[in-house]
Amino acid sequence: MTAETGDAKAATTDGARRSWRYGELTRDHVVEAALSLVLRDGLDGLSMRKLADELDISSMNAYYHVPNKRALLDLVADSVLGQVPSPPVDLVWDEQVRNFFEGGRTVLLRYPGVANHLLVRRIGLPNETRLYLALTNVFSVAGFPREASDQAQRVLTYLLFGAVTSELATIGADENDNAMAFADDDEVFRFGLDLMIEGLRSLPRTAGPR
C-alpha cells in the first residue's frame, strides 16, 4: 500500500510513526520531511529515495507530489527562506538591513547546502520574492534609487552566502587538524555588514529617513 491507498507512514514530531489516510499526504508534508533530512544530513544528503523512506512511502508516491529532485531542492530552499523574518519596521533603515541579514545567516547555518543552492535556484520562488520586495521597500523608504537598491541587495547577499558557505565548510572539516578554523565568525560577519552599510550611507539619496 502507498500513501494514496492509506497505509503509508511517516515520522511525527515525537519520533513515532504515523499512518497516512487516503489523500492526506500533501506537498507541505513532503517539504517538511525534506527539511528534517536537510537538518540532519545537509542538502547534499537529500535524495528522493531518502525522502520516500522518511515518509515511509514509495518513491513513485514522492514523485507524485514533487516532479523531480530539482523541484524538491527549490521547494526546500524557499521553505528555508520562509523562516527568515522580514526586516522589522520599527527600526531605521540601516538597523533593518543589519537585523535582516543577521537573521538570514542564523537560519541558513541550520541548513547546510541551502545557501549554495540558492545561488543556482529557479527564480521567482515565493519567499525569495517576499524578502526581495521587503528589502526593496526598506531601501526605497530610505531614499535609495532602485538601481542602488538592487545592487546593494546583491552585494549583501554575496556576503551572506559566502559567510554561511565558509562557516559550514569549516565546521565540516573540524576533524582535520590542518583545516582552518576561526572563533570569531559572528564578529567578522557583523564587521562586513558594517562596512557595507557605511558605504551605502555615502551614496546619494532622495529625502528620507537618515
N, C-alpha and C. Protein backbone atom coordinates (compact mmCIF):
# COMPACT_ATOMS: atom_id res chain seq x y z
N MET A 1 0.84 -1.20 0.00
CA MET A 1 0.00 0.00 0.00
C MET A 1 0.87 1.25 0.00
N THR A 2 0.38 2.31 -0.58
CA THR A 2 1.11 3.57 -0.64
C THR A 2 0.36 4.61 0.14
N ALA A 3 0.92 5.86 0.15
CA ALA A 3 0.26 6.96 0.86
C ALA A 3 -1.11 7.23 0.27
N GLU A 4 -1.25 6.98 -1.02
CA GLU A 4 -2.52 7.28 -1.65
C GLU A 4 -3.57 6.21 -1.36
N THR A 5 -3.13 5.04 -0.84
CA THR A 5 -4.11 4.00 -0.53
C THR A 5 -4.27 3.78 0.95
N GLY A 6 -3.56 4.56 1.76
CA GLY A 6 -3.92 4.62 3.15
C GLY A 6 -3.01 3.96 4.14
N ASP A 7 -1.94 3.22 3.72
CA ASP A 7 -1.12 2.51 4.68
C ASP A 7 0.27 3.10 4.87
N ALA A 8 0.62 4.14 4.15
CA ALA A 8 1.94 4.71 4.31
C ALA A 8 2.07 5.38 5.66
N LYS A 9 3.32 5.46 6.16
CA LYS A 9 3.56 6.04 7.48
C LYS A 9 4.67 7.06 7.39
N ALA A 10 4.71 7.98 8.34
CA ALA A 10 5.78 8.96 8.42
C ALA A 10 6.03 9.30 9.86
N ALA A 11 7.21 9.87 10.12
CA ALA A 11 7.56 10.22 11.49
C ALA A 11 6.76 11.42 11.95
N THR A 12 6.30 11.37 13.18
CA THR A 12 5.67 12.52 13.78
C THR A 12 6.70 13.27 14.61
N THR A 13 6.32 14.40 15.18
CA THR A 13 7.27 15.23 15.91
C THR A 13 7.82 14.56 17.14
N ASP A 14 7.11 13.56 17.69
CA ASP A 14 7.60 12.87 18.88
C ASP A 14 8.39 11.62 18.54
N GLY A 15 8.70 11.42 17.24
CA GLY A 15 9.52 10.30 16.82
C GLY A 15 8.73 9.05 16.48
N ALA A 16 7.42 9.03 16.74
CA ALA A 16 6.60 7.88 16.40
C ALA A 16 6.32 7.88 14.90
N ARG A 17 5.78 6.78 14.41
CA ARG A 17 5.39 6.70 13.00
C ARG A 17 3.89 6.92 12.89
N ARG A 18 3.49 7.54 11.79
CA ARG A 18 2.07 7.79 11.61
C ARG A 18 1.60 7.16 10.30
N SER A 19 0.36 6.85 10.23
CA SER A 19 -0.22 6.29 9.02
C SER A 19 -0.90 7.41 8.23
N TRP A 20 -0.70 7.38 6.91
CA TRP A 20 -1.37 8.36 6.05
C TRP A 20 -2.68 7.78 5.56
N ARG A 21 -3.76 8.52 5.75
CA ARG A 21 -5.03 8.13 5.15
C ARG A 21 -5.04 8.55 3.69
N TYR A 22 -5.95 7.98 2.94
CA TYR A 22 -6.03 8.30 1.52
C TYR A 22 -6.18 9.80 1.29
N GLY A 23 -5.30 10.37 0.46
CA GLY A 23 -5.36 11.78 0.12
C GLY A 23 -4.84 12.72 1.18
N GLU A 24 -4.34 12.19 2.30
CA GLU A 24 -3.91 13.04 3.41
C GLU A 24 -2.54 13.66 3.16
N LEU A 25 -1.64 12.90 2.57
CA LEU A 25 -0.28 13.38 2.34
C LEU A 25 -0.30 14.53 1.33
N THR A 26 0.33 15.65 1.67
CA THR A 26 0.37 16.82 0.81
C THR A 26 1.80 17.21 0.50
N ARG A 27 1.95 18.16 -0.40
CA ARG A 27 3.29 18.67 -0.71
C ARG A 27 3.94 19.29 0.51
N ASP A 28 3.14 19.94 1.36
CA ASP A 28 3.69 20.53 2.58
C ASP A 28 4.32 19.47 3.48
N HIS A 29 3.66 18.31 3.58
CA HIS A 29 4.23 17.22 4.36
C HIS A 29 5.57 16.76 3.76
N VAL A 30 5.61 16.71 2.44
CA VAL A 30 6.83 16.27 1.75
C VAL A 30 7.96 17.25 2.02
N VAL A 31 7.68 18.54 1.92
CA VAL A 31 8.71 19.54 2.16
C VAL A 31 9.16 19.52 3.62
N GLU A 32 8.22 19.34 4.54
CA GLU A 32 8.57 19.26 5.96
C GLU A 32 9.51 18.08 6.23
N ALA A 33 9.24 16.94 5.61
CA ALA A 33 10.12 15.79 5.78
C ALA A 33 11.49 16.06 5.17
N ALA A 34 11.51 16.72 4.02
CA ALA A 34 12.78 17.05 3.38
C ALA A 34 13.60 17.99 4.25
N LEU A 35 12.95 18.96 4.89
CA LEU A 35 13.65 19.88 5.79
C LEU A 35 14.28 19.13 6.96
N SER A 36 13.57 18.15 7.48
CA SER A 36 14.12 17.35 8.58
C SER A 36 15.39 16.62 8.13
N LEU A 37 15.37 16.10 6.91
CA LEU A 37 16.55 15.42 6.38
C LEU A 37 17.71 16.38 6.21
N VAL A 38 17.42 17.58 5.71
CA VAL A 38 18.49 18.56 5.50
C VAL A 38 19.09 19.00 6.83
N LEU A 39 18.25 19.15 7.84
CA LEU A 39 18.77 19.48 9.17
C LEU A 39 19.77 18.43 9.65
N ARG A 40 19.49 17.16 9.36
CA ARG A 40 20.36 16.08 9.83
C ARG A 40 21.56 15.85 8.92
N ASP A 41 21.32 15.87 7.60
CA ASP A 41 22.35 15.41 6.67
C ASP A 41 22.83 16.47 5.69
N GLY A 42 22.25 17.67 5.74
CA GLY A 42 22.60 18.69 4.76
C GLY A 42 21.89 18.46 3.44
N LEU A 43 21.88 19.49 2.59
CA LEU A 43 21.17 19.39 1.32
C LEU A 43 21.79 18.34 0.41
N ASP A 44 23.11 18.15 0.49
CA ASP A 44 23.77 17.15 -0.35
C ASP A 44 23.31 15.74 0.00
N GLY A 45 22.82 15.55 1.21
CA GLY A 45 22.35 14.23 1.62
C GLY A 45 20.90 13.95 1.30
N LEU A 46 20.24 14.91 0.66
CA LEU A 46 18.82 14.75 0.34
C LEU A 46 18.66 14.05 -1.00
N SER A 47 17.83 13.04 -1.03
CA SER A 47 17.50 12.34 -2.27
C SER A 47 16.03 11.94 -2.22
N MET A 48 15.49 11.64 -3.40
CA MET A 48 14.09 11.22 -3.44
C MET A 48 13.91 9.90 -2.71
N ARG A 49 14.91 9.02 -2.76
CA ARG A 49 14.80 7.75 -2.06
C ARG A 49 14.77 7.96 -0.54
N LYS A 50 15.68 8.82 -0.04
CA LYS A 50 15.69 9.09 1.39
C LYS A 50 14.40 9.78 1.83
N LEU A 51 13.90 10.64 0.97
CA LEU A 51 12.64 11.32 1.29
C LEU A 51 11.50 10.31 1.40
N ALA A 52 11.45 9.39 0.45
CA ALA A 52 10.40 8.36 0.50
C ALA A 52 10.54 7.51 1.76
N ASP A 53 11.78 7.19 2.12
CA ASP A 53 11.99 6.41 3.35
C ASP A 53 11.55 7.19 4.58
N GLU A 54 11.84 8.50 4.60
CA GLU A 54 11.48 9.34 5.73
C GLU A 54 9.96 9.36 5.92
N LEU A 55 9.24 9.39 4.82
CA LEU A 55 7.78 9.42 4.87
C LEU A 55 7.16 8.03 4.92
N ASP A 56 8.01 7.01 4.65
CA ASP A 56 7.54 5.63 4.57
C ASP A 56 6.49 5.48 3.47
N ILE A 57 6.86 6.00 2.32
CA ILE A 57 6.02 5.85 1.13
C ILE A 57 6.90 5.33 0.01
N SER A 58 6.32 5.00 -1.11
CA SER A 58 7.10 4.56 -2.26
C SER A 58 7.73 5.77 -2.95
N SER A 59 8.81 5.53 -3.68
CA SER A 59 9.44 6.62 -4.43
C SER A 59 8.48 7.21 -5.45
N MET A 60 7.65 6.37 -6.05
CA MET A 60 6.69 6.86 -7.02
C MET A 60 5.71 7.82 -6.38
N ASN A 61 5.32 7.55 -5.13
CA ASN A 61 4.43 8.47 -4.44
C ASN A 61 5.10 9.81 -4.18
N ALA A 62 6.40 9.78 -3.88
CA ALA A 62 7.14 11.02 -3.67
C ALA A 62 7.12 11.86 -4.94
N TYR A 63 7.29 11.19 -6.09
CA TYR A 63 7.28 11.92 -7.36
C TYR A 63 5.89 12.43 -7.70
N TYR A 64 4.86 11.85 -7.12
CA TYR A 64 3.51 12.35 -7.34
C TYR A 64 3.38 13.78 -6.80
N HIS A 65 4.06 14.06 -5.69
CA HIS A 65 3.94 15.37 -5.06
C HIS A 65 5.03 16.35 -5.51
N VAL A 66 6.19 15.83 -5.90
CA VAL A 66 7.30 16.66 -6.37
C VAL A 66 7.84 16.02 -7.64
N PRO A 67 7.81 16.71 -8.78
CA PRO A 67 8.12 16.06 -10.06
C PRO A 67 9.56 15.57 -10.21
N ASN A 68 10.52 16.22 -9.55
CA ASN A 68 11.91 15.81 -9.68
C ASN A 68 12.72 16.40 -8.53
N LYS A 69 13.98 15.98 -8.44
CA LYS A 69 14.80 16.42 -7.32
C LYS A 69 15.06 17.93 -7.38
N ARG A 70 15.25 18.48 -8.56
CA ARG A 70 15.50 19.92 -8.69
C ARG A 70 14.32 20.72 -8.12
N ALA A 71 13.11 20.29 -8.42
CA ALA A 71 11.94 20.96 -7.87
C ALA A 71 11.90 20.83 -6.35
N LEU A 72 12.30 19.65 -5.85
CA LEU A 72 12.34 19.45 -4.40
C LEU A 72 13.34 20.39 -3.74
N LEU A 73 14.53 20.53 -4.34
CA LEU A 73 15.55 21.42 -3.78
C LEU A 73 15.06 22.86 -3.77
N ASP A 74 14.37 23.27 -4.82
CA ASP A 74 13.82 24.63 -4.86
C ASP A 74 12.79 24.84 -3.76
N LEU A 75 11.92 23.85 -3.57
CA LEU A 75 10.89 23.96 -2.53
C LEU A 75 11.52 24.02 -1.14
N VAL A 76 12.54 23.19 -0.92
CA VAL A 76 13.23 23.21 0.37
C VAL A 76 13.91 24.55 0.59
N ALA A 77 14.62 25.05 -0.41
CA ALA A 77 15.32 26.32 -0.27
C ALA A 77 14.35 27.46 0.01
N ASP A 78 13.22 27.45 -0.68
CA ASP A 78 12.26 28.53 -0.44
C ASP A 78 11.61 28.40 0.92
N SER A 79 11.40 27.16 1.38
CA SER A 79 10.86 26.96 2.72
C SER A 79 11.82 27.47 3.78
N VAL A 80 13.12 27.26 3.55
CA VAL A 80 14.12 27.81 4.48
C VAL A 80 14.07 29.33 4.47
N LEU A 81 13.97 29.93 3.29
CA LEU A 81 13.84 31.39 3.23
C LEU A 81 12.58 31.87 3.94
N GLY A 82 11.57 31.02 3.99
CA GLY A 82 10.35 31.38 4.70
C GLY A 82 10.56 31.54 6.19
N GLN A 83 11.66 30.99 6.71
CA GLN A 83 11.97 31.13 8.13
C GLN A 83 12.74 32.43 8.42
N VAL A 84 13.15 33.14 7.38
CA VAL A 84 13.84 34.41 7.55
C VAL A 84 12.79 35.51 7.70
N PRO A 85 12.75 36.21 8.82
CA PRO A 85 11.74 37.24 9.00
C PRO A 85 12.00 38.46 8.15
N SER A 86 10.95 39.14 7.76
CA SER A 86 11.10 40.41 7.06
C SER A 86 11.73 41.44 7.99
N PRO A 87 12.37 42.47 7.42
CA PRO A 87 13.00 43.49 8.26
C PRO A 87 11.99 44.13 9.21
N PRO A 88 12.33 44.31 10.48
CA PRO A 88 11.40 44.93 11.45
C PRO A 88 11.16 46.40 11.10
N VAL A 89 9.90 46.79 11.01
CA VAL A 89 9.56 48.12 10.51
C VAL A 89 9.80 49.22 11.54
N ASP A 90 10.04 48.86 12.79
CA ASP A 90 10.19 49.90 13.82
C ASP A 90 11.64 50.35 13.98
N LEU A 91 12.53 49.90 13.08
CA LEU A 91 13.93 50.31 13.14
C LEU A 91 14.26 51.23 11.97
N VAL A 92 15.34 52.01 12.10
CA VAL A 92 15.81 52.82 10.98
C VAL A 92 16.39 51.89 9.93
N TRP A 93 16.57 52.40 8.69
CA TRP A 93 16.88 51.53 7.56
C TRP A 93 18.14 50.69 7.76
N ASP A 94 19.20 51.29 8.31
CA ASP A 94 20.45 50.54 8.43
C ASP A 94 20.33 49.41 9.47
N GLU A 95 19.56 49.65 10.52
CA GLU A 95 19.34 48.60 11.51
C GLU A 95 18.41 47.52 10.95
N GLN A 96 17.47 47.91 10.10
CA GLN A 96 16.63 46.92 9.44
C GLN A 96 17.48 45.98 8.58
N VAL A 97 18.38 46.57 7.81
CA VAL A 97 19.25 45.77 6.94
C VAL A 97 20.14 44.85 7.77
N ARG A 98 20.74 45.39 8.81
CA ARG A 98 21.62 44.58 9.66
C ARG A 98 20.84 43.43 10.32
N ASN A 99 19.66 43.75 10.86
CA ASN A 99 18.84 42.73 11.50
C ASN A 99 18.43 41.64 10.53
N PHE A 100 18.08 42.03 9.32
CA PHE A 100 17.63 41.08 8.32
C PHE A 100 18.74 40.10 7.94
N PHE A 101 19.92 40.61 7.65
CA PHE A 101 20.98 39.72 7.19
C PHE A 101 21.57 38.89 8.33
N GLU A 102 21.57 39.41 9.53
CA GLU A 102 21.98 38.58 10.67
C GLU A 102 20.98 37.45 10.88
N GLY A 103 19.70 37.75 10.73
CA GLY A 103 18.68 36.70 10.85
C GLY A 103 18.79 35.68 9.74
N GLY A 104 19.10 36.13 8.53
CA GLY A 104 19.28 35.22 7.42
C GLY A 104 20.45 34.27 7.65
N ARG A 105 21.53 34.79 8.19
CA ARG A 105 22.69 33.94 8.48
C ARG A 105 22.33 32.88 9.51
N THR A 106 21.62 33.26 10.56
CA THR A 106 21.23 32.31 11.59
C THR A 106 20.42 31.17 11.00
N VAL A 107 19.47 31.49 10.14
CA VAL A 107 18.62 30.46 9.53
C VAL A 107 19.42 29.56 8.60
N LEU A 108 20.21 30.15 7.71
CA LEU A 108 20.92 29.35 6.71
C LEU A 108 21.97 28.45 7.32
N LEU A 109 22.56 28.85 8.44
CA LEU A 109 23.54 27.99 9.08
C LEU A 109 22.92 26.70 9.60
N ARG A 110 21.62 26.69 9.81
CA ARG A 110 20.95 25.48 10.30
C ARG A 110 20.74 24.45 9.20
N TYR A 111 20.83 24.89 7.94
CA TYR A 111 20.51 24.02 6.81
C TYR A 111 21.69 23.96 5.83
N PRO A 112 22.67 23.13 6.11
CA PRO A 112 23.87 23.06 5.25
C PRO A 112 23.52 22.78 3.79
N GLY A 113 24.13 23.56 2.90
CA GLY A 113 23.95 23.36 1.47
C GLY A 113 22.89 24.23 0.84
N VAL A 114 21.98 24.78 1.64
CA VAL A 114 20.89 25.58 1.06
C VAL A 114 21.41 26.88 0.47
N ALA A 115 22.36 27.52 1.14
CA ALA A 115 22.92 28.77 0.59
C ALA A 115 23.54 28.52 -0.78
N ASN A 116 24.23 27.39 -0.94
CA ASN A 116 24.83 27.06 -2.23
C ASN A 116 23.76 26.90 -3.30
N HIS A 117 22.67 26.22 -2.94
CA HIS A 117 21.61 26.00 -3.93
C HIS A 117 20.92 27.30 -4.31
N LEU A 118 20.80 28.22 -3.37
CA LEU A 118 20.13 29.48 -3.68
C LEU A 118 20.89 30.30 -4.72
N LEU A 119 22.16 29.98 -4.93
CA LEU A 119 22.93 30.67 -5.98
C LEU A 119 22.52 30.20 -7.37
N VAL A 120 21.89 29.03 -7.46
CA VAL A 120 21.54 28.46 -8.77
C VAL A 120 20.07 28.06 -8.81
N ARG A 121 19.25 28.60 -7.91
CA ARG A 121 17.86 28.19 -7.81
C ARG A 121 17.04 28.77 -8.95
N ARG A 122 15.86 28.23 -9.10
CA ARG A 122 14.88 28.79 -10.03
C ARG A 122 14.42 30.14 -9.48
N ILE A 123 14.36 31.14 -10.34
CA ILE A 123 13.98 32.48 -9.89
C ILE A 123 12.47 32.55 -9.67
N GLY A 124 12.07 33.51 -8.84
CA GLY A 124 10.66 33.75 -8.61
C GLY A 124 10.02 32.89 -7.55
N LEU A 125 10.83 32.27 -6.68
CA LEU A 125 10.26 31.49 -5.59
C LEU A 125 9.53 32.43 -4.62
N PRO A 126 8.42 32.00 -4.05
CA PRO A 126 7.57 32.91 -3.27
C PRO A 126 8.29 33.65 -2.14
N ASN A 127 9.04 32.94 -1.32
CA ASN A 127 9.68 33.61 -0.19
C ASN A 127 10.87 34.45 -0.62
N GLU A 128 11.54 34.03 -1.67
CA GLU A 128 12.59 34.87 -2.23
C GLU A 128 12.00 36.20 -2.68
N THR A 129 10.87 36.13 -3.37
CA THR A 129 10.19 37.35 -3.83
C THR A 129 9.74 38.20 -2.64
N ARG A 130 9.20 37.55 -1.62
CA ARG A 130 8.75 38.29 -0.43
C ARG A 130 9.90 39.06 0.21
N LEU A 131 11.03 38.42 0.37
CA LEU A 131 12.16 39.07 1.02
C LEU A 131 12.76 40.17 0.13
N TYR A 132 12.80 39.92 -1.17
CA TYR A 132 13.31 40.94 -2.09
C TYR A 132 12.44 42.20 -2.03
N LEU A 133 11.13 42.02 -2.05
CA LEU A 133 10.24 43.17 -2.01
C LEU A 133 10.33 43.90 -0.66
N ALA A 134 10.50 43.15 0.42
CA ALA A 134 10.62 43.77 1.74
C ALA A 134 11.88 44.63 1.82
N LEU A 135 13.00 44.10 1.33
CA LEU A 135 14.25 44.87 1.34
C LEU A 135 14.18 46.05 0.39
N THR A 136 13.55 45.84 -0.76
CA THR A 136 13.39 46.94 -1.71
C THR A 136 12.62 48.08 -1.08
N ASN A 137 11.61 47.76 -0.31
CA ASN A 137 10.84 48.80 0.38
C ASN A 137 11.69 49.53 1.41
N VAL A 138 12.53 48.79 2.14
CA VAL A 138 13.43 49.42 3.12
C VAL A 138 14.32 50.45 2.44
N PHE A 139 14.94 50.06 1.34
CA PHE A 139 15.85 50.96 0.64
C PHE A 139 15.10 52.12 -0.02
N SER A 140 13.90 51.84 -0.52
CA SER A 140 13.11 52.89 -1.15
C SER A 140 12.71 53.96 -0.15
N VAL A 141 12.22 53.53 1.01
CA VAL A 141 11.82 54.48 2.05
C VAL A 141 13.02 55.30 2.52
N ALA A 142 14.20 54.67 2.51
CA ALA A 142 15.41 55.38 2.93
C ALA A 142 15.93 56.34 1.86
N GLY A 143 15.32 56.32 0.67
CA GLY A 143 15.70 57.28 -0.36
C GLY A 143 16.67 56.77 -1.40
N PHE A 144 16.98 55.49 -1.40
CA PHE A 144 17.91 54.95 -2.39
C PHE A 144 17.21 54.72 -3.72
N PRO A 145 17.85 55.06 -4.83
CA PRO A 145 17.25 54.74 -6.13
C PRO A 145 17.20 53.24 -6.34
N ARG A 146 16.33 52.80 -7.24
CA ARG A 146 16.09 51.36 -7.44
C ARG A 146 17.37 50.62 -7.85
N GLU A 147 18.15 51.21 -8.73
CA GLU A 147 19.37 50.53 -9.17
C GLU A 147 20.32 50.29 -7.99
N ALA A 148 20.49 51.30 -7.15
CA ALA A 148 21.36 51.15 -5.98
C ALA A 148 20.79 50.11 -5.02
N SER A 149 19.47 50.08 -4.88
CA SER A 149 18.83 49.09 -4.02
C SER A 149 19.11 47.67 -4.50
N ASP A 150 18.92 47.44 -5.81
CA ASP A 150 19.14 46.10 -6.35
C ASP A 150 20.60 45.68 -6.22
N GLN A 151 21.51 46.60 -6.51
CA GLN A 151 22.93 46.27 -6.42
C GLN A 151 23.34 46.02 -4.97
N ALA A 152 22.82 46.82 -4.06
CA ALA A 152 23.14 46.63 -2.64
C ALA A 152 22.64 45.27 -2.16
N GLN A 153 21.45 44.89 -2.56
CA GLN A 153 20.93 43.59 -2.15
C GLN A 153 21.79 42.45 -2.67
N ARG A 154 22.28 42.58 -3.89
CA ARG A 154 23.14 41.53 -4.44
C ARG A 154 24.45 41.43 -3.68
N VAL A 155 25.08 42.57 -3.40
CA VAL A 155 26.36 42.54 -2.69
C VAL A 155 26.18 42.00 -1.27
N LEU A 156 25.14 42.43 -0.59
CA LEU A 156 24.88 41.94 0.76
C LEU A 156 24.57 40.45 0.76
N THR A 157 23.88 39.99 -0.27
CA THR A 157 23.58 38.56 -0.38
C THR A 157 24.86 37.77 -0.64
N TYR A 158 25.79 38.33 -1.44
CA TYR A 158 27.08 37.67 -1.64
C TYR A 158 27.80 37.50 -0.30
N LEU A 159 27.77 38.53 0.51
CA LEU A 159 28.40 38.44 1.83
C LEU A 159 27.72 37.34 2.65
N LEU A 160 26.40 37.32 2.65
CA LEU A 160 25.65 36.34 3.44
C LEU A 160 25.96 34.92 2.99
N PHE A 161 25.81 34.64 1.70
CA PHE A 161 26.02 33.28 1.21
C PHE A 161 27.49 32.86 1.36
N GLY A 162 28.40 33.80 1.10
CA GLY A 162 29.81 33.48 1.25
C GLY A 162 30.18 33.15 2.68
N ALA A 163 29.64 33.93 3.62
CA ALA A 163 29.94 33.69 5.03
C ALA A 163 29.38 32.35 5.48
N VAL A 164 28.13 32.07 5.10
CA VAL A 164 27.50 30.81 5.51
C VAL A 164 28.24 29.62 4.92
N THR A 165 28.56 29.69 3.63
CA THR A 165 29.26 28.58 2.98
C THR A 165 30.62 28.34 3.62
N SER A 166 31.34 29.42 3.89
CA SER A 166 32.66 29.30 4.52
C SER A 166 32.57 28.71 5.92
N GLU A 167 31.62 29.20 6.71
CA GLU A 167 31.47 28.70 8.08
C GLU A 167 31.10 27.23 8.11
N LEU A 168 30.19 26.82 7.23
CA LEU A 168 29.77 25.42 7.22
C LEU A 168 30.89 24.51 6.72
N ALA A 169 31.68 25.00 5.76
CA ALA A 169 32.81 24.21 5.29
C ALA A 169 33.83 24.02 6.41
N THR A 170 34.05 25.05 7.20
CA THR A 170 34.98 24.95 8.32
C THR A 170 34.47 23.96 9.36
N ILE A 171 33.17 24.02 9.65
CA ILE A 171 32.58 23.08 10.59
C ILE A 171 32.71 21.65 10.08
N GLY A 172 32.51 21.48 8.77
CA GLY A 172 32.59 20.15 8.19
C GLY A 172 33.98 19.57 8.20
N ALA A 173 34.99 20.42 8.33
CA ALA A 173 36.38 19.96 8.33
C ALA A 173 36.99 19.96 9.72
N ASP A 174 36.15 20.01 10.76
CA ASP A 174 36.67 20.19 12.11
C ASP A 174 37.48 19.00 12.62
N GLU A 175 37.38 17.85 11.94
CA GLU A 175 38.19 16.71 12.36
C GLU A 175 39.57 16.71 11.71
N ASN A 176 39.78 17.63 10.79
CA ASN A 176 41.08 17.74 10.12
C ASN A 176 41.93 18.75 10.88
N ASP A 177 43.00 18.30 11.48
CA ASP A 177 43.84 19.17 12.31
C ASP A 177 44.48 20.29 11.50
N ASN A 178 44.60 20.10 10.18
CA ASN A 178 45.24 21.10 9.34
C ASN A 178 44.25 22.09 8.73
N ALA A 179 42.95 21.89 8.96
CA ALA A 179 41.94 22.77 8.38
C ALA A 179 41.90 24.09 9.14
N MET A 180 41.62 25.17 8.40
CA MET A 180 41.48 26.47 9.04
C MET A 180 40.25 26.48 9.93
N ALA A 181 40.35 27.16 11.04
CA ALA A 181 39.22 27.30 11.95
C ALA A 181 39.27 28.68 12.59
N PHE A 182 38.11 29.30 12.72
CA PHE A 182 38.03 30.64 13.27
C PHE A 182 37.00 30.66 14.39
N ALA A 183 37.28 31.42 15.41
CA ALA A 183 36.37 31.51 16.55
C ALA A 183 35.58 32.82 16.55
N ASP A 184 35.80 33.66 15.54
CA ASP A 184 35.18 34.99 15.54
C ASP A 184 34.28 35.21 14.33
N ASP A 185 33.61 34.15 13.86
CA ASP A 185 32.77 34.28 12.67
C ASP A 185 31.66 35.31 12.85
N ASP A 186 31.03 35.33 14.02
CA ASP A 186 29.98 36.32 14.27
C ASP A 186 30.52 37.73 14.13
N GLU A 187 31.66 37.97 14.75
CA GLU A 187 32.25 39.31 14.74
C GLU A 187 32.65 39.73 13.33
N VAL A 188 33.23 38.80 12.57
CA VAL A 188 33.68 39.13 11.22
C VAL A 188 32.49 39.40 10.31
N PHE A 189 31.42 38.62 10.45
CA PHE A 189 30.24 38.86 9.62
C PHE A 189 29.65 40.23 9.91
N ARG A 190 29.53 40.57 11.18
CA ARG A 190 28.99 41.89 11.53
C ARG A 190 29.91 43.02 11.05
N PHE A 191 31.22 42.77 11.09
CA PHE A 191 32.17 43.75 10.58
C PHE A 191 31.94 43.99 9.08
N GLY A 192 31.72 42.90 8.34
CA GLY A 192 31.44 43.04 6.91
C GLY A 192 30.15 43.79 6.66
N LEU A 193 29.12 43.48 7.43
CA LEU A 193 27.86 44.22 7.30
C LEU A 193 28.05 45.70 7.57
N ASP A 194 28.81 46.02 8.62
CA ASP A 194 29.05 47.42 8.97
C ASP A 194 29.77 48.15 7.84
N LEU A 195 30.75 47.49 7.24
CA LEU A 195 31.48 48.12 6.13
C LEU A 195 30.54 48.43 4.97
N MET A 196 29.69 47.48 4.63
CA MET A 196 28.78 47.69 3.50
C MET A 196 27.73 48.75 3.82
N ILE A 197 27.21 48.73 5.02
CA ILE A 197 26.21 49.73 5.40
C ILE A 197 26.82 51.12 5.43
N GLU A 198 28.05 51.22 5.92
CA GLU A 198 28.73 52.52 5.93
C GLU A 198 28.94 53.03 4.51
N GLY A 199 29.26 52.11 3.59
CA GLY A 199 29.39 52.51 2.19
C GLY A 199 28.07 52.97 1.61
N LEU A 200 26.98 52.33 1.97
CA LEU A 200 25.66 52.74 1.49
C LEU A 200 25.29 54.13 2.01
N ARG A 201 25.69 54.44 3.21
CA ARG A 201 25.37 55.76 3.76
C ARG A 201 26.00 56.89 2.93
N SER A 202 27.09 56.59 2.25
CA SER A 202 27.78 57.62 1.48
C SER A 202 27.15 57.85 0.10
N LEU A 203 26.20 56.99 -0.29
CA LEU A 203 25.58 57.13 -1.61
C LEU A 203 24.55 58.25 -1.59
N PRO A 204 24.36 58.91 -2.75
CA PRO A 204 23.33 59.97 -2.82
C PRO A 204 21.94 59.36 -2.68
N ARG A 205 21.09 60.06 -1.94
CA ARG A 205 19.71 59.61 -1.72
C ARG A 205 18.77 60.78 -1.84
N THR A 206 17.52 60.47 -2.12
CA THR A 206 16.49 61.49 -2.05
C THR A 206 16.14 61.69 -0.59
N ALA A 207 15.30 62.68 -0.31
CA ALA A 207 14.93 62.94 1.08
C ALA A 207 14.27 61.71 1.68
N GLY A 208 14.72 61.34 2.85
CA GLY A 208 14.18 60.18 3.53
C GLY A 208 14.83 60.02 4.87
N PRO A 209 14.42 59.05 5.65
CA PRO A 209 14.99 58.85 6.98
C PRO A 209 16.48 58.62 6.92
N ARG A 210 17.22 59.18 7.85
CA ARG A 210 18.69 59.03 7.88
C ARG A 210 19.09 57.98 8.88
